[in-house]
Amino acid sequence: MGCVVGLFMEHGFIVYGRLKRGLSERSLEEIHRVMEGVKKAAQEYGIRVVMYGFPYGVAEDFVVVYESEKGLVNFYNFAINTDLPYESPRTNQVAIPRPG
């Protein structure tokens, strides 16, 4: 976590992806169950799932917003070591300033 002019920065990751084959036909309850597993896996890396859902105006059909005090390398390790419910992800990383 870096400090810029008295502010601490957290990292936000907005990930757009396509639900894996077969998952898009499942019920919302099943998708919620799958995402509970993702939340647990994310916690092991110090990452929090802020929200997830179905975005409008983009080519992908699923979006997940993550937040962490740790940086991009940690998020990358989480992503490659976790069976995520989406594929072909496109990620925007954002800096989230927090009062120091």
N, C-alpha and C. Protein backbone atom coordinates (compact mmCIF):
# COMPACT_ATOMS: atom_id res chain seq x y z
N MET A 1 0.86 -1.17 0.00
CA MET A 1 0.00 0.00 0.00
C MET A 1 0.90 1.22 0.00
N GLY A 2 0.75 2.09 -0.98
CA GLY A 2 1.58 3.28 -1.09
C GLY A 2 0.93 4.49 -0.47
N CYS A 3 1.73 5.49 -0.18
CA CYS A 3 1.22 6.73 0.42
C CYS A 3 1.50 7.87 -0.54
N VAL A 4 0.48 8.63 -0.88
CA VAL A 4 0.62 9.79 -1.76
C VAL A 4 -0.02 10.97 -1.06
N VAL A 5 0.78 11.96 -0.67
CA VAL A 5 0.30 13.18 -0.03
C VAL A 5 -0.68 12.86 1.10
N GLY A 6 -0.28 11.99 2.00
CA GLY A 6 -1.12 11.67 3.16
C GLY A 6 -2.28 10.74 2.88
N LEU A 7 -2.38 10.23 1.67
CA LEU A 7 -3.44 9.28 1.34
C LEU A 7 -2.83 7.91 1.09
N PHE A 8 -3.51 6.90 1.55
CA PHE A 8 -3.10 5.53 1.26
C PHE A 8 -3.92 5.06 0.07
N MET A 9 -3.29 4.29 -0.78
CA MET A 9 -3.97 3.82 -1.97
C MET A 9 -4.30 2.35 -1.85
N GLU A 10 -5.54 2.02 -2.16
CA GLU A 10 -5.93 0.64 -2.32
C GLU A 10 -6.10 0.41 -3.81
N HIS A 11 -6.24 -0.84 -4.18
CA HIS A 11 -6.34 -1.19 -5.59
C HIS A 11 -7.72 -1.76 -5.87
N GLY A 12 -8.32 -1.27 -6.93
CA GLY A 12 -9.58 -1.80 -7.40
C GLY A 12 -9.36 -2.48 -8.74
N PHE A 13 -10.04 -3.57 -8.95
CA PHE A 13 -9.93 -4.31 -10.20
C PHE A 13 -11.35 -4.56 -10.71
N ILE A 14 -11.65 -4.00 -11.86
CA ILE A 14 -12.96 -4.20 -12.48
C ILE A 14 -12.73 -5.18 -13.62
N VAL A 15 -13.30 -6.36 -13.47
CA VAL A 15 -13.02 -7.44 -14.43
C VAL A 15 -14.30 -7.77 -15.21
N TYR A 16 -14.20 -7.64 -16.53
CA TYR A 16 -15.28 -8.02 -17.43
C TYR A 16 -14.91 -9.35 -18.06
N GLY A 17 -15.84 -10.26 -18.17
CA GLY A 17 -15.57 -11.55 -18.80
C GLY A 17 -16.85 -12.18 -19.29
N ARG A 18 -16.68 -13.29 -19.97
CA ARG A 18 -17.82 -14.08 -20.44
C ARG A 18 -17.98 -15.28 -19.51
N LEU A 19 -19.20 -15.49 -19.03
CA LEU A 19 -19.44 -16.66 -18.20
C LEU A 19 -19.03 -17.91 -18.95
N LYS A 20 -18.43 -18.84 -18.23
CA LYS A 20 -18.00 -20.09 -18.86
C LYS A 20 -19.20 -20.85 -19.39
N ARG A 21 -18.94 -21.65 -20.42
CA ARG A 21 -19.99 -22.44 -21.07
C ARG A 21 -20.77 -23.23 -20.02
N GLY A 22 -22.06 -23.18 -20.12
CA GLY A 22 -22.93 -23.90 -19.20
C GLY A 22 -23.35 -23.08 -17.99
N LEU A 23 -22.51 -22.16 -17.56
CA LEU A 23 -22.85 -21.37 -16.37
C LEU A 23 -23.90 -20.32 -16.69
N SER A 24 -23.88 -19.79 -17.90
CA SER A 24 -24.84 -18.74 -18.25
C SER A 24 -26.27 -19.27 -18.31
N GLU A 25 -26.43 -20.59 -18.44
CA GLU A 25 -27.76 -21.18 -18.46
C GLU A 25 -28.26 -21.56 -17.07
N ARG A 26 -27.42 -21.42 -16.08
CA ARG A 26 -27.80 -21.81 -14.72
C ARG A 26 -28.60 -20.70 -14.04
N SER A 27 -29.22 -21.06 -12.93
CA SER A 27 -30.03 -20.08 -12.19
C SER A 27 -29.13 -19.09 -11.46
N LEU A 28 -29.74 -17.97 -11.08
CA LEU A 28 -28.99 -16.97 -10.31
C LEU A 28 -28.48 -17.55 -9.00
N GLU A 29 -29.26 -18.44 -8.38
CA GLU A 29 -28.83 -19.07 -7.12
C GLU A 29 -27.55 -19.86 -7.33
N GLU A 30 -27.45 -20.57 -8.46
CA GLU A 30 -26.25 -21.34 -8.74
C GLU A 30 -25.05 -20.42 -8.98
N ILE A 31 -25.27 -19.32 -9.68
CA ILE A 31 -24.19 -18.36 -9.91
C ILE A 31 -23.75 -17.77 -8.58
N HIS A 32 -24.69 -17.46 -7.69
CA HIS A 32 -24.33 -16.94 -6.35
C HIS A 32 -23.50 -17.96 -5.59
N ARG A 33 -23.83 -19.24 -5.67
CA ARG A 33 -23.06 -20.28 -5.00
C ARG A 33 -21.63 -20.35 -5.54
N VAL A 34 -21.50 -20.27 -6.85
CA VAL A 34 -20.17 -20.27 -7.46
C VAL A 34 -19.37 -19.06 -6.98
N MET A 35 -20.02 -17.91 -6.94
CA MET A 35 -19.33 -16.69 -6.52
C MET A 35 -18.95 -16.72 -5.03
N GLU A 36 -19.69 -17.46 -4.22
CA GLU A 36 -19.29 -17.61 -2.81
C GLU A 36 -17.93 -18.30 -2.74
N GLY A 37 -17.69 -19.28 -3.61
CA GLY A 37 -16.38 -19.93 -3.67
C GLY A 37 -15.29 -18.97 -4.13
N VAL A 38 -15.62 -18.10 -5.08
CA VAL A 38 -14.66 -17.09 -5.55
C VAL A 38 -14.34 -16.13 -4.41
N LYS A 39 -15.34 -15.73 -3.64
CA LYS A 39 -15.11 -14.83 -2.51
C LYS A 39 -14.15 -15.45 -1.51
N LYS A 40 -14.33 -16.73 -1.20
CA LYS A 40 -13.44 -17.42 -0.25
C LYS A 40 -12.02 -17.50 -0.79
N ALA A 41 -11.90 -17.82 -2.07
CA ALA A 41 -10.56 -17.88 -2.68
C ALA A 41 -9.90 -16.51 -2.66
N ALA A 42 -10.67 -15.46 -2.96
CA ALA A 42 -10.13 -14.11 -2.98
C ALA A 42 -9.63 -13.70 -1.60
N GLN A 43 -10.35 -14.06 -0.55
CA GLN A 43 -9.95 -13.72 0.81
C GLN A 43 -8.57 -14.28 1.16
N GLU A 44 -8.25 -15.45 0.61
CA GLU A 44 -6.94 -16.06 0.86
C GLU A 44 -5.81 -15.20 0.30
N TYR A 45 -6.12 -14.35 -0.66
CA TYR A 45 -5.13 -13.45 -1.26
C TYR A 45 -5.28 -12.02 -0.74
N GLY A 46 -6.12 -11.81 0.24
CA GLY A 46 -6.33 -10.46 0.76
C GLY A 46 -7.14 -9.59 -0.19
N ILE A 47 -8.01 -10.22 -0.97
CA ILE A 47 -8.83 -9.53 -1.96
C ILE A 47 -10.29 -9.66 -1.55
N ARG A 48 -11.05 -8.60 -1.73
CA ARG A 48 -12.47 -8.61 -1.40
C ARG A 48 -13.29 -8.44 -2.68
N VAL A 49 -14.33 -9.27 -2.82
CA VAL A 49 -15.28 -9.10 -3.92
C VAL A 49 -16.27 -8.03 -3.47
N VAL A 50 -16.28 -6.91 -4.15
CA VAL A 50 -17.16 -5.79 -3.80
C VAL A 50 -18.56 -6.04 -4.35
N MET A 51 -18.63 -6.44 -5.61
CA MET A 51 -19.91 -6.74 -6.24
C MET A 51 -19.67 -7.49 -7.54
N TYR A 52 -20.72 -8.07 -8.05
CA TYR A 52 -20.67 -8.74 -9.35
C TYR A 52 -22.05 -8.70 -9.97
N GLY A 53 -22.10 -8.85 -11.28
CA GLY A 53 -23.40 -8.81 -11.93
C GLY A 53 -23.27 -8.86 -13.44
N PHE A 54 -24.30 -8.36 -14.10
CA PHE A 54 -24.43 -8.44 -15.55
C PHE A 54 -24.42 -7.03 -16.11
N PRO A 55 -23.31 -6.64 -16.75
CA PRO A 55 -23.17 -5.25 -17.20
C PRO A 55 -23.93 -4.96 -18.49
N TYR A 56 -24.20 -3.69 -18.71
CA TYR A 56 -24.80 -3.21 -19.96
C TYR A 56 -23.74 -2.42 -20.72
N GLY A 57 -23.82 -2.44 -22.02
CA GLY A 57 -22.98 -1.58 -22.84
C GLY A 57 -21.58 -2.11 -23.12
N VAL A 58 -21.30 -3.36 -22.78
CA VAL A 58 -20.00 -3.96 -23.08
C VAL A 58 -20.24 -5.32 -23.74
N ALA A 59 -19.21 -5.84 -24.39
CA ALA A 59 -19.34 -7.12 -25.09
C ALA A 59 -19.46 -8.30 -24.12
N GLU A 60 -18.87 -8.17 -22.94
CA GLU A 60 -18.88 -9.27 -21.98
C GLU A 60 -20.22 -9.34 -21.25
N ASP A 61 -20.52 -10.53 -20.69
CA ASP A 61 -21.82 -10.69 -20.03
C ASP A 61 -21.72 -10.79 -18.51
N PHE A 62 -20.52 -10.57 -17.95
CA PHE A 62 -20.36 -10.67 -16.50
C PHE A 62 -19.29 -9.69 -16.05
N VAL A 63 -19.48 -9.10 -14.89
CA VAL A 63 -18.49 -8.17 -14.33
C VAL A 63 -18.33 -8.47 -12.84
N VAL A 64 -17.09 -8.38 -12.37
CA VAL A 64 -16.79 -8.54 -10.95
C VAL A 64 -15.89 -7.37 -10.55
N VAL A 65 -16.18 -6.76 -9.42
CA VAL A 65 -15.35 -5.68 -8.90
C VAL A 65 -14.66 -6.20 -7.64
N TYR A 66 -13.33 -6.15 -7.65
CA TYR A 66 -12.51 -6.60 -6.53
C TYR A 66 -11.80 -5.39 -5.92
N GLU A 67 -11.39 -5.52 -4.65
CA GLU A 67 -10.67 -4.46 -3.96
C GLU A 67 -9.62 -5.10 -3.07
N SER A 68 -8.44 -4.48 -2.99
CA SER A 68 -7.37 -5.04 -2.17
C SER A 68 -6.36 -3.96 -1.81
N GLU A 69 -5.70 -4.15 -0.68
CA GLU A 69 -4.57 -3.29 -0.32
C GLU A 69 -3.32 -3.74 -1.06
N LYS A 70 -3.35 -4.94 -1.59
CA LYS A 70 -2.21 -5.49 -2.31
C LYS A 70 -2.33 -5.14 -3.79
N GLY A 71 -1.24 -5.23 -4.51
CA GLY A 71 -1.19 -4.75 -5.88
C GLY A 71 -1.51 -5.77 -6.96
N LEU A 72 -1.06 -5.42 -8.16
CA LEU A 72 -1.39 -6.17 -9.35
C LEU A 72 -0.82 -7.58 -9.36
N VAL A 73 0.40 -7.76 -8.88
CA VAL A 73 1.01 -9.09 -8.88
C VAL A 73 0.19 -10.05 -8.03
N ASN A 74 -0.26 -9.60 -6.87
CA ASN A 74 -1.11 -10.42 -6.01
C ASN A 74 -2.43 -10.77 -6.71
N PHE A 75 -3.03 -9.79 -7.36
CA PHE A 75 -4.28 -10.05 -8.07
C PHE A 75 -4.06 -11.05 -9.20
N TYR A 76 -2.96 -10.90 -9.92
CA TYR A 76 -2.63 -11.82 -11.00
C TYR A 76 -2.48 -13.24 -10.46
N ASN A 77 -1.79 -13.40 -9.35
CA ASN A 77 -1.63 -14.73 -8.75
C ASN A 77 -2.98 -15.34 -8.36
N PHE A 78 -3.86 -14.53 -7.79
CA PHE A 78 -5.21 -14.98 -7.48
C PHE A 78 -5.92 -15.46 -8.75
N ALA A 79 -5.85 -14.65 -9.80
CA ALA A 79 -6.59 -14.96 -11.03
C ALA A 79 -6.09 -16.23 -11.71
N ILE A 80 -4.79 -16.46 -11.71
CA ILE A 80 -4.28 -17.65 -12.41
C ILE A 80 -4.39 -18.92 -11.56
N ASN A 81 -4.56 -18.77 -10.25
CA ASN A 81 -4.63 -19.95 -9.37
C ASN A 81 -6.04 -20.27 -8.89
N THR A 82 -7.04 -19.58 -9.43
CA THR A 82 -8.42 -19.76 -8.99
C THR A 82 -9.28 -20.16 -10.19
N ASP A 83 -10.18 -21.10 -9.97
CA ASP A 83 -11.12 -21.49 -11.02
C ASP A 83 -12.25 -20.46 -11.04
N LEU A 84 -12.08 -19.46 -11.87
CA LEU A 84 -13.06 -18.37 -11.95
C LEU A 84 -14.19 -18.75 -12.89
N PRO A 85 -15.40 -18.21 -12.67
CA PRO A 85 -16.56 -18.59 -13.47
C PRO A 85 -16.63 -17.89 -14.83
N TYR A 86 -15.66 -17.07 -15.13
CA TYR A 86 -15.65 -16.34 -16.39
C TYR A 86 -14.34 -16.60 -17.13
N GLU A 87 -14.36 -16.32 -18.42
CA GLU A 87 -13.16 -16.49 -19.24
C GLU A 87 -12.96 -15.26 -20.10
N SER A 88 -11.79 -15.17 -20.74
CA SER A 88 -11.41 -14.04 -21.58
C SER A 88 -11.59 -12.71 -20.83
N PRO A 89 -11.03 -12.62 -19.61
CA PRO A 89 -11.25 -11.41 -18.82
C PRO A 89 -10.51 -10.19 -19.39
N ARG A 90 -11.12 -9.06 -19.16
CA ARG A 90 -10.55 -7.75 -19.47
C ARG A 90 -10.62 -6.97 -18.17
N THR A 91 -9.47 -6.50 -17.69
CA THR A 91 -9.41 -5.90 -16.35
C THR A 91 -8.99 -4.45 -16.41
N ASN A 92 -9.71 -3.61 -15.68
CA ASN A 92 -9.31 -2.23 -15.45
C ASN A 92 -8.82 -2.16 -14.01
N GLN A 93 -7.63 -1.62 -13.80
CA GLN A 93 -7.13 -1.42 -12.44
C GLN A 93 -7.30 0.06 -12.10
N VAL A 94 -7.79 0.32 -10.89
CA VAL A 94 -7.99 1.70 -10.46
C VAL A 94 -7.35 1.90 -9.09
N ALA A 95 -6.83 3.09 -8.86
CA ALA A 95 -6.30 3.45 -7.54
C ALA A 95 -7.42 4.05 -6.74
N ILE A 96 -7.56 3.59 -5.49
CA ILE A 96 -8.64 4.06 -4.61
C ILE A 96 -7.98 4.81 -3.45
N PRO A 97 -8.03 6.13 -3.42
CA PRO A 97 -7.40 6.87 -2.33
C PRO A 97 -8.21 6.74 -1.04
N ARG A 98 -7.51 6.49 0.05
CA ARG A 98 -8.13 6.40 1.38
C ARG A 98 -7.38 7.36 2.30
N PRO A 99 -8.09 8.02 3.20
CA PRO A 99 -7.40 8.93 4.14
C PRO A 99 -6.37 8.16 4.96
N GLY A 100 -5.22 8.79 5.16
CA GLY A 100 -4.13 8.16 5.92
C GLY A 100 -4.33 8.37 7.36
